Amino acid sequence: MSKCVNEPAWAARLLRVGKRVPFTLAMVVAMLAVAIFQGTLAENTAPAVILYWGFGLHNLWDGRLYTLVVSTFLVHEPWELLGGILLLIGTLGVYEWIVGTRRSFVLYWSANLVAPVLSALLFLWPHYLAGTSFGLQLAALSDVGPSAGALGCLGAWVARLPGRYRTGALILILAALIGKMALFLDLDSDATHLVGFAVGLGLDRLLRARATRRAASQHTGG
């Protein structure tokens, strides 16, 4: 009798997963909500929307740093929405499952905010200062999507792999990122991906070291 009133097994499993990765689910829901509002489920986002709300060197100059957050939930085309959601699940979702919601929140948004700014200053700004047409084009671009933070989470959980697996994963991922740049250069987003991956890789180690020191001090104090 109790089996009839109990929730289905698949629903119970889904609920358990949701409790383990609430931040990932919130990000996915937010992306879907923005896509519905913008009409991106059926058609491309208007270029004017991307230019104004996406993050780029021109928005950094104007002091519109809020675009670092807003741009996360925008995509150019409907297929990018699916790609962005799958990317979040495969990177942020895995990392949140491993380390918990609080740490994944800190790491995702740290990478997502720091990587675009660093890549703009290190890779785009020099081209603009050189006065080339390529540099002027880069300065006028706006990037959107959740990939900076997602690559940060990828770097973070790669940092947690055992030594030999970590080395192999690093080689494969860096080869893929650099290879993509060599074949289909999109300096704005490609540089952000590389920097985001590096930020996540380093920040996870810092967070773990801090947690270890805190645990040691509490143990000593006890």
N, C-alpha and C. Protein backbone atom coordinates (compact mmCIF):
# COMPACT_ATOMS: atom_id res chain seq x y z
N MET A 1 0.83 -1.20 0.00
CA MET A 1 0.00 0.00 0.00
C MET A 1 0.87 1.26 0.00
N SER A 2 1.95 1.23 0.81
CA SER A 2 2.82 2.40 0.90
C SER A 2 3.52 2.69 -0.41
N LYS A 3 3.80 1.65 -1.20
CA LYS A 3 4.47 1.85 -2.48
C LYS A 3 3.61 2.64 -3.44
N CYS A 4 2.30 2.53 -3.30
CA CYS A 4 1.40 3.22 -4.21
C CYS A 4 1.40 4.73 -3.96
N VAL A 5 1.56 5.09 -2.69
CA VAL A 5 1.49 6.52 -2.38
C VAL A 5 2.87 7.17 -2.43
N ASN A 6 3.91 6.37 -2.40
CA ASN A 6 5.26 6.94 -2.48
C ASN A 6 5.52 7.50 -3.87
N GLU A 7 6.40 8.50 -3.94
CA GLU A 7 6.75 9.08 -5.23
C GLU A 7 7.55 8.07 -6.04
N PRO A 8 7.48 8.15 -7.38
CA PRO A 8 8.22 7.21 -8.23
C PRO A 8 9.72 7.28 -7.94
N ALA A 9 10.40 6.17 -8.22
CA ALA A 9 11.83 6.10 -7.94
C ALA A 9 12.60 7.15 -8.73
N TRP A 10 12.21 7.36 -10.01
CA TRP A 10 12.93 8.33 -10.82
C TRP A 10 12.77 9.74 -10.27
N ALA A 11 11.58 10.04 -9.72
CA ALA A 11 11.35 11.36 -9.14
C ALA A 11 12.19 11.57 -7.88
N ALA A 12 12.31 10.50 -7.10
CA ALA A 12 13.14 10.58 -5.89
C ALA A 12 14.60 10.81 -6.25
N ARG A 13 15.07 10.11 -7.29
CA ARG A 13 16.46 10.29 -7.73
C ARG A 13 16.68 11.70 -8.25
N LEU A 14 15.71 12.20 -9.02
CA LEU A 14 15.81 13.55 -9.57
C LEU A 14 15.85 14.59 -8.45
N LEU A 15 15.05 14.35 -7.42
CA LEU A 15 15.03 15.26 -6.28
C LEU A 15 16.37 15.25 -5.54
N ARG A 16 16.96 14.07 -5.41
CA ARG A 16 18.26 13.98 -4.75
C ARG A 16 19.33 14.71 -5.54
N VAL A 17 19.28 14.57 -6.87
CA VAL A 17 20.24 15.28 -7.72
C VAL A 17 20.05 16.78 -7.57
N GLY A 18 18.79 17.22 -7.58
CA GLY A 18 18.51 18.64 -7.44
C GLY A 18 19.02 19.22 -6.14
N LYS A 19 18.94 18.44 -5.08
CA LYS A 19 19.44 18.90 -3.78
C LYS A 19 20.96 18.98 -3.75
N ARG A 20 21.62 18.20 -4.59
CA ARG A 20 23.08 18.22 -4.64
C ARG A 20 23.61 19.37 -5.49
N VAL A 21 22.83 19.79 -6.50
CA VAL A 21 23.34 20.82 -7.43
C VAL A 21 22.32 21.95 -7.62
N PRO A 22 21.88 22.59 -6.55
CA PRO A 22 20.87 23.64 -6.70
C PRO A 22 21.38 24.86 -7.47
N PHE A 23 22.66 25.19 -7.32
CA PHE A 23 23.20 26.34 -8.03
C PHE A 23 23.20 26.10 -9.53
N THR A 24 23.60 24.90 -9.94
CA THR A 24 23.59 24.56 -11.37
C THR A 24 22.18 24.64 -11.93
N LEU A 25 21.22 24.10 -11.20
CA LEU A 25 19.83 24.15 -11.66
C LEU A 25 19.34 25.59 -11.75
N ALA A 26 19.72 26.42 -10.79
CA ALA A 26 19.31 27.82 -10.82
C ALA A 26 19.89 28.54 -12.04
N MET A 27 21.13 28.24 -12.38
CA MET A 27 21.75 28.85 -13.56
C MET A 27 21.05 28.42 -14.84
N VAL A 28 20.71 27.14 -14.93
CA VAL A 28 20.01 26.62 -16.11
C VAL A 28 18.64 27.27 -16.24
N VAL A 29 17.91 27.35 -15.14
CA VAL A 29 16.58 27.97 -15.15
C VAL A 29 16.69 29.44 -15.55
N ALA A 30 17.70 30.14 -15.03
CA ALA A 30 17.88 31.55 -15.37
C ALA A 30 18.17 31.73 -16.85
N MET A 31 19.00 30.86 -17.42
CA MET A 31 19.28 30.95 -18.85
C MET A 31 18.03 30.71 -19.68
N LEU A 32 17.24 29.73 -19.28
CA LEU A 32 15.99 29.44 -19.99
C LEU A 32 15.02 30.61 -19.88
N ALA A 33 14.93 31.20 -18.70
CA ALA A 33 14.01 32.32 -18.50
C ALA A 33 14.39 33.51 -19.37
N VAL A 34 15.68 33.82 -19.43
CA VAL A 34 16.15 34.93 -20.26
C VAL A 34 15.91 34.63 -21.73
N ALA A 35 16.14 33.38 -22.14
CA ALA A 35 15.92 32.99 -23.54
C ALA A 35 14.45 33.12 -23.92
N ILE A 36 13.56 32.74 -23.01
CA ILE A 36 12.13 32.88 -23.28
C ILE A 36 11.76 34.35 -23.40
N PHE A 37 12.29 35.16 -22.49
CA PHE A 37 12.00 36.59 -22.50
C PHE A 37 12.52 37.25 -23.77
N GLN A 38 13.72 36.84 -24.21
CA GLN A 38 14.33 37.44 -25.40
C GLN A 38 13.83 36.81 -26.70
N GLY A 39 13.14 35.68 -26.61
CA GLY A 39 12.70 34.99 -27.81
C GLY A 39 13.78 34.16 -28.46
N THR A 40 14.85 33.86 -27.71
CA THR A 40 15.99 33.14 -28.27
C THR A 40 15.70 31.66 -28.47
N LEU A 41 14.58 31.17 -27.95
CA LEU A 41 14.21 29.78 -28.21
C LEU A 41 13.89 29.56 -29.68
N ALA A 42 13.48 30.61 -30.37
CA ALA A 42 13.05 30.47 -31.76
C ALA A 42 13.90 31.25 -32.75
N GLU A 43 14.57 32.29 -32.30
CA GLU A 43 15.34 33.11 -33.23
C GLU A 43 16.56 33.71 -32.53
N ASN A 44 17.46 34.26 -33.34
CA ASN A 44 18.69 34.82 -32.81
C ASN A 44 18.41 36.07 -31.96
N THR A 45 19.26 36.29 -30.98
CA THR A 45 19.16 37.51 -30.18
C THR A 45 19.58 38.70 -31.04
N ALA A 46 18.86 39.79 -30.92
CA ALA A 46 19.15 40.98 -31.73
C ALA A 46 20.57 41.47 -31.47
N PRO A 47 21.31 41.83 -32.53
CA PRO A 47 22.68 42.31 -32.36
C PRO A 47 22.79 43.49 -31.40
N ALA A 48 21.79 44.37 -31.40
CA ALA A 48 21.82 45.53 -30.50
C ALA A 48 21.78 45.10 -29.04
N VAL A 49 21.05 44.03 -28.76
CA VAL A 49 20.97 43.50 -27.39
C VAL A 49 22.32 42.93 -26.97
N ILE A 50 22.94 42.17 -27.88
CA ILE A 50 24.26 41.59 -27.60
C ILE A 50 25.28 42.70 -27.37
N LEU A 51 25.25 43.72 -28.22
CA LEU A 51 26.23 44.81 -28.12
C LEU A 51 26.11 45.54 -26.79
N TYR A 52 24.88 45.80 -26.36
CA TYR A 52 24.67 46.60 -25.16
C TYR A 52 24.86 45.79 -23.88
N TRP A 53 24.30 44.58 -23.85
CA TRP A 53 24.29 43.79 -22.62
C TRP A 53 25.43 42.78 -22.53
N GLY A 54 26.10 42.49 -23.66
CA GLY A 54 27.26 41.63 -23.60
C GLY A 54 28.45 42.37 -23.02
N PHE A 55 29.49 41.62 -22.64
CA PHE A 55 30.68 42.27 -22.08
C PHE A 55 31.76 42.39 -23.14
N GLY A 56 32.37 43.56 -23.18
CA GLY A 56 33.46 43.79 -24.12
C GLY A 56 34.35 44.91 -23.62
N LEU A 57 35.42 45.14 -24.35
CA LEU A 57 36.36 46.19 -23.95
C LEU A 57 35.68 47.55 -23.89
N HIS A 58 34.75 47.80 -24.80
CA HIS A 58 34.06 49.09 -24.83
C HIS A 58 33.19 49.28 -23.58
N ASN A 59 32.58 48.19 -23.10
CA ASN A 59 31.77 48.29 -21.88
C ASN A 59 32.65 48.45 -20.64
N LEU A 60 33.85 47.89 -20.69
CA LEU A 60 34.80 48.08 -19.59
C LEU A 60 35.20 49.55 -19.49
N TRP A 61 35.45 50.17 -20.64
CA TRP A 61 35.79 51.59 -20.65
C TRP A 61 34.65 52.44 -20.10
N ASP A 62 33.43 52.06 -20.47
CA ASP A 62 32.26 52.84 -20.05
C ASP A 62 31.87 52.61 -18.60
N GLY A 63 32.54 51.66 -17.95
CA GLY A 63 32.23 51.38 -16.55
C GLY A 63 30.98 50.55 -16.35
N ARG A 64 30.49 49.91 -17.40
CA ARG A 64 29.26 49.10 -17.28
C ARG A 64 29.64 47.67 -16.90
N LEU A 65 30.16 47.53 -15.69
CA LEU A 65 30.64 46.23 -15.25
C LEU A 65 29.51 45.25 -14.97
N TYR A 66 28.29 45.75 -14.84
CA TYR A 66 27.16 44.84 -14.65
C TYR A 66 26.96 43.92 -15.84
N THR A 67 27.51 44.29 -16.99
CA THR A 67 27.39 43.41 -18.15
C THR A 67 28.15 42.10 -17.95
N LEU A 68 29.10 42.08 -17.02
CA LEU A 68 29.79 40.83 -16.70
C LEU A 68 28.82 39.78 -16.18
N VAL A 69 27.79 40.23 -15.47
CA VAL A 69 26.78 39.31 -14.93
C VAL A 69 25.68 39.06 -15.96
N VAL A 70 25.15 40.13 -16.51
CA VAL A 70 24.02 40.00 -17.44
C VAL A 70 24.39 39.16 -18.66
N SER A 71 25.58 39.37 -19.18
CA SER A 71 26.00 38.66 -20.40
C SER A 71 26.04 37.15 -20.22
N THR A 72 26.19 36.71 -18.97
CA THR A 72 26.27 35.27 -18.68
C THR A 72 25.03 34.53 -19.17
N PHE A 73 23.88 35.17 -19.10
CA PHE A 73 22.61 34.49 -19.37
C PHE A 73 22.10 34.72 -20.79
N LEU A 74 22.90 35.39 -21.62
CA LEU A 74 22.52 35.64 -23.01
C LEU A 74 23.27 34.70 -23.95
N VAL A 75 22.66 34.39 -25.08
CA VAL A 75 23.32 33.63 -26.14
C VAL A 75 22.96 34.27 -27.47
N HIS A 76 23.77 33.98 -28.48
CA HIS A 76 23.51 34.53 -29.81
C HIS A 76 22.35 33.83 -30.50
N GLU A 77 22.37 32.50 -30.48
CA GLU A 77 21.44 31.69 -31.27
C GLU A 77 20.80 30.60 -30.43
N PRO A 78 19.65 30.06 -30.89
CA PRO A 78 18.97 29.00 -30.13
C PRO A 78 19.86 27.80 -29.83
N TRP A 79 20.68 27.36 -30.79
CA TRP A 79 21.51 26.18 -30.54
C TRP A 79 22.55 26.45 -29.47
N GLU A 80 22.96 27.72 -29.32
CA GLU A 80 23.92 28.06 -28.27
C GLU A 80 23.30 27.93 -26.88
N LEU A 81 21.99 28.08 -26.80
CA LEU A 81 21.31 27.90 -25.52
C LEU A 81 21.47 26.46 -25.05
N LEU A 82 21.22 25.51 -25.94
CA LEU A 82 21.40 24.10 -25.59
C LEU A 82 22.86 23.82 -25.24
N GLY A 83 23.77 24.36 -26.05
CA GLY A 83 25.19 24.16 -25.77
C GLY A 83 25.60 24.74 -24.43
N GLY A 84 25.09 25.92 -24.11
CA GLY A 84 25.41 26.55 -22.83
C GLY A 84 24.90 25.77 -21.65
N ILE A 85 23.69 25.24 -21.77
CA ILE A 85 23.10 24.44 -20.69
C ILE A 85 23.89 23.16 -20.48
N LEU A 86 24.22 22.48 -21.58
CA LEU A 86 25.01 21.25 -21.47
C LEU A 86 26.39 21.53 -20.88
N LEU A 87 26.97 22.67 -21.27
CA LEU A 87 28.28 23.05 -20.73
C LEU A 87 28.20 23.28 -19.23
N LEU A 88 27.16 23.96 -18.78
CA LEU A 88 26.99 24.19 -17.35
C LEU A 88 26.82 22.88 -16.59
N ILE A 89 26.02 21.98 -17.12
CA ILE A 89 25.79 20.70 -16.44
C ILE A 89 27.08 19.90 -16.37
N GLY A 90 27.85 19.90 -17.47
CA GLY A 90 29.06 19.08 -17.52
C GLY A 90 30.25 19.65 -16.78
N THR A 91 30.21 20.93 -16.43
CA THR A 91 31.34 21.56 -15.73
C THR A 91 30.93 22.03 -14.33
N LEU A 92 30.05 23.00 -14.28
CA LEU A 92 29.57 23.49 -12.99
C LEU A 92 28.84 22.40 -12.22
N GLY A 93 27.99 21.64 -12.92
CA GLY A 93 27.24 20.58 -12.25
C GLY A 93 28.14 19.54 -11.61
N VAL A 94 29.16 19.12 -12.35
CA VAL A 94 30.10 18.13 -11.82
C VAL A 94 30.86 18.71 -10.63
N TYR A 95 31.32 19.95 -10.77
CA TYR A 95 32.09 20.56 -9.68
C TYR A 95 31.24 20.76 -8.44
N GLU A 96 30.00 21.21 -8.62
CA GLU A 96 29.12 21.40 -7.47
C GLU A 96 28.82 20.08 -6.78
N TRP A 97 28.67 19.02 -7.56
CA TRP A 97 28.44 17.69 -7.00
C TRP A 97 29.61 17.26 -6.12
N ILE A 98 30.82 17.63 -6.55
CA ILE A 98 32.03 17.21 -5.84
C ILE A 98 32.27 18.05 -4.58
N VAL A 99 32.17 19.37 -4.70
CA VAL A 99 32.61 20.25 -3.60
C VAL A 99 31.48 20.92 -2.85
N GLY A 100 30.27 20.90 -3.38
CA GLY A 100 29.17 21.57 -2.71
C GLY A 100 28.82 22.90 -3.36
N THR A 101 27.69 23.44 -2.94
CA THR A 101 27.13 24.63 -3.58
C THR A 101 27.93 25.89 -3.28
N ARG A 102 28.30 26.07 -2.03
CA ARG A 102 28.96 27.33 -1.65
C ARG A 102 30.27 27.53 -2.41
N ARG A 103 31.11 26.51 -2.40
CA ARG A 103 32.41 26.65 -3.06
C ARG A 103 32.24 26.76 -4.58
N SER A 104 31.31 26.02 -5.15
CA SER A 104 31.11 26.10 -6.60
C SER A 104 30.58 27.48 -7.00
N PHE A 105 29.74 28.07 -6.15
CA PHE A 105 29.24 29.42 -6.41
C PHE A 105 30.40 30.42 -6.43
N VAL A 106 31.26 30.33 -5.42
CA VAL A 106 32.41 31.24 -5.33
C VAL A 106 33.33 31.07 -6.54
N LEU A 107 33.63 29.84 -6.87
CA LEU A 107 34.58 29.61 -7.96
C LEU A 107 33.98 30.00 -9.31
N TYR A 108 32.73 29.62 -9.55
CA TYR A 108 32.12 29.94 -10.85
C TYR A 108 32.12 31.45 -11.09
N TRP A 109 31.61 32.20 -10.11
CA TRP A 109 31.48 33.64 -10.34
C TRP A 109 32.83 34.35 -10.28
N SER A 110 33.78 33.82 -9.54
CA SER A 110 35.12 34.40 -9.57
C SER A 110 35.72 34.28 -10.96
N ALA A 111 35.66 33.09 -11.54
CA ALA A 111 36.18 32.89 -12.89
C ALA A 111 35.37 33.68 -13.91
N ASN A 112 34.07 33.72 -13.72
CA ASN A 112 33.19 34.36 -14.70
C ASN A 112 33.35 35.88 -14.71
N LEU A 113 33.77 36.45 -13.58
CA LEU A 113 33.96 37.89 -13.50
C LEU A 113 35.40 38.30 -13.82
N VAL A 114 36.35 37.49 -13.37
CA VAL A 114 37.76 37.84 -13.54
C VAL A 114 38.27 37.56 -14.95
N ALA A 115 37.90 36.40 -15.50
CA ALA A 115 38.45 35.99 -16.80
C ALA A 115 38.15 36.97 -17.93
N PRO A 116 36.90 37.45 -18.10
CA PRO A 116 36.65 38.39 -19.20
C PRO A 116 37.44 39.69 -19.06
N VAL A 117 37.58 40.18 -17.83
CA VAL A 117 38.33 41.43 -17.62
C VAL A 117 39.81 41.23 -17.93
N LEU A 118 40.39 40.15 -17.41
CA LEU A 118 41.80 39.88 -17.67
C LEU A 118 42.08 39.65 -19.15
N SER A 119 41.22 38.88 -19.81
CA SER A 119 41.44 38.61 -21.23
C SER A 119 41.30 39.88 -22.06
N ALA A 120 40.36 40.76 -21.67
CA ALA A 120 40.21 42.02 -22.39
C ALA A 120 41.45 42.89 -22.25
N LEU A 121 42.00 42.93 -21.03
CA LEU A 121 43.18 43.77 -20.79
C LEU A 121 44.46 43.18 -21.37
N LEU A 122 44.58 41.86 -21.31
CA LEU A 122 45.83 41.21 -21.73
C LEU A 122 45.88 40.91 -23.22
N PHE A 123 44.72 40.61 -23.83
CA PHE A 123 44.72 40.16 -25.23
C PHE A 123 44.07 41.15 -26.19
N LEU A 124 43.02 41.85 -25.76
CA LEU A 124 42.31 42.74 -26.67
C LEU A 124 42.87 44.16 -26.65
N TRP A 125 43.12 44.66 -25.48
CA TRP A 125 43.59 46.04 -25.35
C TRP A 125 44.89 46.30 -26.11
N PRO A 126 45.90 45.42 -26.04
CA PRO A 126 47.13 45.67 -26.82
C PRO A 126 46.87 45.82 -28.31
N HIS A 127 45.95 45.01 -28.86
CA HIS A 127 45.63 45.14 -30.29
C HIS A 127 44.99 46.50 -30.57
N TYR A 128 44.16 46.96 -29.64
CA TYR A 128 43.52 48.27 -29.82
C TYR A 128 44.56 49.38 -29.76
N LEU A 129 45.47 49.28 -28.80
CA LEU A 129 46.51 50.31 -28.67
C LEU A 129 47.43 50.35 -29.89
N ALA A 130 47.56 49.21 -30.56
CA ALA A 130 48.39 49.17 -31.77
C ALA A 130 47.75 49.93 -32.92
N GLY A 131 46.46 50.24 -32.80
CA GLY A 131 45.78 51.04 -33.80
C GLY A 131 45.43 50.29 -35.07
N THR A 132 45.43 48.96 -35.02
CA THR A 132 45.10 48.17 -36.21
C THR A 132 43.59 48.06 -36.37
N SER A 133 43.16 47.74 -37.58
CA SER A 133 41.73 47.55 -37.82
C SER A 133 41.21 46.36 -37.01
N PHE A 134 42.06 45.33 -36.87
CA PHE A 134 41.69 44.17 -36.06
C PHE A 134 41.46 44.59 -34.61
N GLY A 135 42.32 45.45 -34.10
CA GLY A 135 42.17 45.93 -32.73
C GLY A 135 40.91 46.74 -32.53
N LEU A 136 40.57 47.57 -33.52
CA LEU A 136 39.34 48.36 -33.43
C LEU A 136 38.11 47.46 -33.45
N GLN A 137 38.15 46.42 -34.26
CA GLN A 137 37.04 45.47 -34.30
C GLN A 137 36.88 44.75 -32.96
N LEU A 138 38.00 44.34 -32.38
CA LEU A 138 37.96 43.64 -31.09
C LEU A 138 37.37 44.54 -30.01
N ALA A 139 37.72 45.81 -30.03
CA ALA A 139 37.24 46.74 -29.00
C ALA A 139 35.74 46.93 -29.06
N ALA A 140 35.15 46.72 -30.23
CA ALA A 140 33.72 46.94 -30.40
C ALA A 140 32.89 45.68 -30.18
N LEU A 141 33.54 44.55 -29.93
CA LEU A 141 32.81 43.29 -29.76
C LEU A 141 32.24 43.16 -28.36
N SER A 142 31.15 42.39 -28.26
CA SER A 142 30.58 42.02 -26.97
C SER A 142 30.42 40.51 -26.93
N ASP A 143 30.87 39.90 -25.84
CA ASP A 143 30.79 38.45 -25.69
C ASP A 143 29.67 38.10 -24.72
N VAL A 144 29.01 36.98 -24.97
CA VAL A 144 27.92 36.53 -24.10
C VAL A 144 28.06 35.04 -23.84
N GLY A 145 27.33 34.57 -22.82
CA GLY A 145 27.32 33.14 -22.52
C GLY A 145 27.97 32.82 -21.18
N PRO A 146 27.75 31.60 -20.69
CA PRO A 146 28.25 31.19 -19.37
C PRO A 146 29.61 30.52 -19.41
N SER A 147 30.32 30.59 -20.53
CA SER A 147 31.49 29.73 -20.71
C SER A 147 32.69 30.11 -19.86
N ALA A 148 32.86 31.38 -19.50
CA ALA A 148 34.03 31.76 -18.70
C ALA A 148 34.01 31.05 -17.35
N GLY A 149 32.88 31.12 -16.66
CA GLY A 149 32.76 30.42 -15.38
C GLY A 149 32.76 28.92 -15.54
N ALA A 150 32.15 28.45 -16.63
CA ALA A 150 32.12 27.00 -16.87
C ALA A 150 33.52 26.45 -17.08
N LEU A 151 34.34 27.16 -17.86
CA LEU A 151 35.73 26.71 -18.05
C LEU A 151 36.51 26.80 -16.74
N GLY A 152 36.15 27.76 -15.90
CA GLY A 152 36.77 27.83 -14.59
C GLY A 152 36.46 26.60 -13.76
N CYS A 153 35.20 26.15 -13.80
CA CYS A 153 34.82 24.93 -13.08
C CYS A 153 35.50 23.71 -13.67
N LEU A 154 35.66 23.70 -14.99
CA LEU A 154 36.38 22.59 -15.62
C LEU A 154 37.81 22.53 -15.11
N GLY A 155 38.47 23.69 -15.07
CA GLY A 155 39.82 23.73 -14.55
C GLY A 155 39.88 23.30 -13.09
N ALA A 156 38.86 23.66 -12.33
CA ALA A 156 38.84 23.35 -10.90
C ALA A 156 38.72 21.85 -10.65
N TRP A 157 37.81 21.18 -11.39
CA TRP A 157 37.70 19.75 -11.09
C TRP A 157 38.80 18.94 -11.76
N VAL A 158 39.42 19.48 -12.80
CA VAL A 158 40.62 18.83 -13.34
C VAL A 158 41.75 18.90 -12.30
N ALA A 159 41.82 20.01 -11.58
CA ALA A 159 42.85 20.17 -10.55
C ALA A 159 42.72 19.13 -9.45
N ARG A 160 41.55 18.53 -9.31
CA ARG A 160 41.31 17.55 -8.25
C ARG A 160 41.57 16.11 -8.71
N LEU A 161 41.89 15.93 -9.97
CA LEU A 161 42.18 14.58 -10.45
C LEU A 161 43.51 14.09 -9.89
N PRO A 162 43.69 12.76 -9.78
CA PRO A 162 45.00 12.22 -9.38
C PRO A 162 46.08 12.65 -10.38
N GLY A 163 47.31 12.68 -9.92
CA GLY A 163 48.43 13.24 -10.67
C GLY A 163 48.50 12.90 -12.14
N ARG A 164 48.57 11.62 -12.49
CA ARG A 164 48.77 11.25 -13.90
C ARG A 164 47.54 11.58 -14.73
N TYR A 165 46.36 11.42 -14.14
CA TYR A 165 45.14 11.77 -14.87
C TYR A 165 45.02 13.28 -15.04
N ARG A 166 45.45 14.01 -14.03
CA ARG A 166 45.41 15.47 -14.12
C ARG A 166 46.31 15.97 -15.25
N THR A 167 47.50 15.42 -15.35
CA THR A 167 48.42 15.83 -16.41
C THR A 167 47.84 15.53 -17.78
N GLY A 168 47.29 14.34 -17.95
CA GLY A 168 46.70 13.98 -19.23
C GLY A 168 45.52 14.87 -19.58
N ALA A 169 44.66 15.15 -18.59
CA ALA A 169 43.50 16.01 -18.84
C ALA A 169 43.93 17.42 -19.20
N LEU A 170 44.94 17.93 -18.51
CA LEU A 170 45.44 19.27 -18.81
C LEU A 170 45.96 19.36 -20.24
N ILE A 171 46.72 18.36 -20.64
CA ILE A 171 47.27 18.36 -22.00
C ILE A 171 46.16 18.33 -23.04
N LEU A 172 45.17 17.47 -22.83
CA LEU A 172 44.07 17.34 -23.79
C LEU A 172 43.24 18.62 -23.87
N ILE A 173 42.90 19.19 -22.72
CA ILE A 173 42.05 20.38 -22.71
C ILE A 173 42.78 21.58 -23.29
N LEU A 174 44.03 21.78 -22.90
CA LEU A 174 44.80 22.91 -23.44
C LEU A 174 45.03 22.74 -24.94
N ALA A 175 45.28 21.50 -25.37
CA ALA A 175 45.45 21.25 -26.81
C ALA A 175 44.17 21.57 -27.57
N ALA A 176 43.02 21.22 -26.98
CA ALA A 176 41.74 21.50 -27.62
C ALA A 176 41.49 23.01 -27.70
N LEU A 177 41.75 23.73 -26.62
CA LEU A 177 41.52 25.17 -26.60
C LEU A 177 42.45 25.90 -27.56
N ILE A 178 43.73 25.54 -27.54
CA ILE A 178 44.69 26.19 -28.42
C ILE A 178 44.47 25.78 -29.87
N GLY A 179 44.12 24.50 -30.08
CA GLY A 179 43.83 24.04 -31.44
C GLY A 179 42.65 24.75 -32.04
N LYS A 180 41.63 24.99 -31.21
CA LYS A 180 40.46 25.72 -31.70
C LYS A 180 40.85 27.13 -32.11
N MET A 181 41.73 27.77 -31.32
CA MET A 181 42.19 29.11 -31.67
C MET A 181 42.96 29.11 -32.98
N ALA A 182 43.75 28.07 -33.21
CA ALA A 182 44.55 27.99 -34.43
C ALA A 182 43.68 27.79 -35.67
N LEU A 183 42.60 27.03 -35.51
CA LEU A 183 41.75 26.70 -36.66
C LEU A 183 40.67 27.75 -36.90
N PHE A 184 40.02 28.19 -35.82
CA PHE A 184 38.90 29.13 -35.94
C PHE A 184 39.07 30.22 -34.88
N LEU A 185 39.94 31.17 -35.14
CA LEU A 185 40.27 32.17 -34.14
C LEU A 185 39.08 33.09 -33.86
N ASP A 186 38.71 33.15 -32.60
CA ASP A 186 37.74 34.12 -32.09
C ASP A 186 38.36 34.65 -30.80
N LEU A 187 39.28 35.59 -30.96
CA LEU A 187 40.18 35.97 -29.86
C LEU A 187 39.42 36.39 -28.62
N ASP A 188 38.31 37.07 -28.79
CA ASP A 188 37.55 37.56 -27.65
C ASP A 188 37.14 36.41 -26.72
N SER A 189 36.43 35.43 -27.27
CA SER A 189 35.96 34.32 -26.44
C SER A 189 37.06 33.29 -26.16
N ASP A 190 37.94 33.06 -27.14
CA ASP A 190 39.00 32.06 -26.94
C ASP A 190 39.93 32.45 -25.79
N ALA A 191 40.31 33.71 -25.75
CA ALA A 191 41.18 34.18 -24.66
C ALA A 191 40.47 34.07 -23.31
N THR A 192 39.19 34.38 -23.30
CA THR A 192 38.42 34.27 -22.06
C THR A 192 38.35 32.84 -21.57
N HIS A 193 38.21 31.90 -22.50
CA HIS A 193 38.17 30.48 -22.13
C HIS A 193 39.49 30.04 -21.50
N LEU A 194 40.59 30.42 -22.11
CA LEU A 194 41.90 30.06 -21.58
C LEU A 194 42.13 30.65 -20.19
N VAL A 195 41.81 31.93 -20.05
CA VAL A 195 42.01 32.58 -18.76
C VAL A 195 41.07 32.00 -17.71
N GLY A 196 39.82 31.75 -18.09
CA GLY A 196 38.87 31.17 -17.15
C GLY A 196 39.32 29.81 -16.66
N PHE A 197 39.83 28.99 -17.56
CA PHE A 197 40.34 27.67 -17.19
C PHE A 197 41.49 27.80 -16.20
N ALA A 198 42.41 28.73 -16.48
CA ALA A 198 43.56 28.93 -15.60
C ALA A 198 43.13 29.46 -14.23
N VAL A 199 42.17 30.38 -14.22
CA VAL A 199 41.67 30.92 -12.95
C VAL A 199 41.06 29.81 -12.10
N GLY A 200 40.23 28.97 -12.71
CA GLY A 200 39.62 27.87 -11.97
C GLY A 200 40.65 26.89 -11.44
N LEU A 201 41.64 26.60 -12.26
CA LEU A 201 42.70 25.67 -11.87
C LEU A 201 43.44 26.17 -10.64
N GLY A 202 43.79 27.45 -10.65
CA GLY A 202 44.53 28.02 -9.52
C GLY A 202 43.67 28.28 -8.30
N LEU A 203 42.44 28.76 -8.53
CA LEU A 203 41.59 29.13 -7.40
C LEU A 203 41.15 27.91 -6.60
N ASP A 204 40.90 26.80 -7.26
CA ASP A 204 40.51 25.60 -6.51
C ASP A 204 41.62 25.18 -5.56
N ARG A 205 42.85 25.27 -6.02
CA ARG A 205 43.98 24.91 -5.15
C ARG A 205 44.07 25.85 -3.96
N LEU A 206 43.82 27.14 -4.19
CA LEU A 206 43.85 28.10 -3.10
C LEU A 206 42.74 27.82 -2.09
N LEU A 207 41.55 27.51 -2.59
CA LEU A 207 40.42 27.23 -1.70
C LEU A 207 40.68 25.97 -0.88
N ARG A 208 41.27 24.96 -1.51
CA ARG A 208 41.57 23.73 -0.76
C ARG A 208 42.64 23.97 0.29
N ALA A 209 43.66 24.75 -0.07
CA ALA A 209 44.72 25.05 0.90
C ALA A 209 44.16 25.84 2.08
N ARG A 210 43.27 26.76 1.79
CA ARG A 210 42.65 27.55 2.87
C ARG A 210 41.81 26.66 3.77
N ALA A 211 41.04 25.75 3.17
CA ALA A 211 40.22 24.84 3.96
C ALA A 211 41.08 23.93 4.83
N THR A 212 42.21 23.50 4.28
CA THR A 212 43.12 22.64 5.05
C THR A 212 43.71 23.39 6.24
N ARG A 213 44.12 24.64 6.02
CA ARG A 213 44.67 25.44 7.13
C ARG A 213 43.62 25.70 8.20
N ARG A 214 42.40 25.97 7.76
CA ARG A 214 41.33 26.23 8.72
C ARG A 214 41.03 24.99 9.55
N ALA A 215 40.98 23.83 8.88
CA ALA A 215 40.72 22.59 9.61
C ALA A 215 41.85 22.29 10.59
N ALA A 216 43.09 22.56 10.18
CA ALA A 216 44.23 22.31 11.06
C ALA A 216 44.20 23.23 12.28
N SER A 217 43.85 24.50 12.06
CA SER A 217 43.80 25.45 13.18
C SER A 217 42.69 25.10 14.15
N GLN A 218 41.55 24.65 13.64
CA GLN A 218 40.45 24.24 14.51
C GLN A 218 40.82 23.01 15.31
N HIS A 219 41.53 22.08 14.66
CA HIS A 219 41.96 20.87 15.36
C HIS A 219 42.96 21.21 16.46
N THR A 220 43.88 22.13 16.14
CA THR A 220 44.87 22.54 17.14
C THR A 220 44.22 23.28 18.30
N GLY A 221 43.26 24.13 17.94
CA GLY A 221 42.56 24.89 18.97
C GLY A 221 41.74 24.01 19.89
N GLY A 222 41.21 22.89 19.29
CA GLY A 222 40.41 21.97 20.10
C GLY A 222 41.29 21.15 21.01
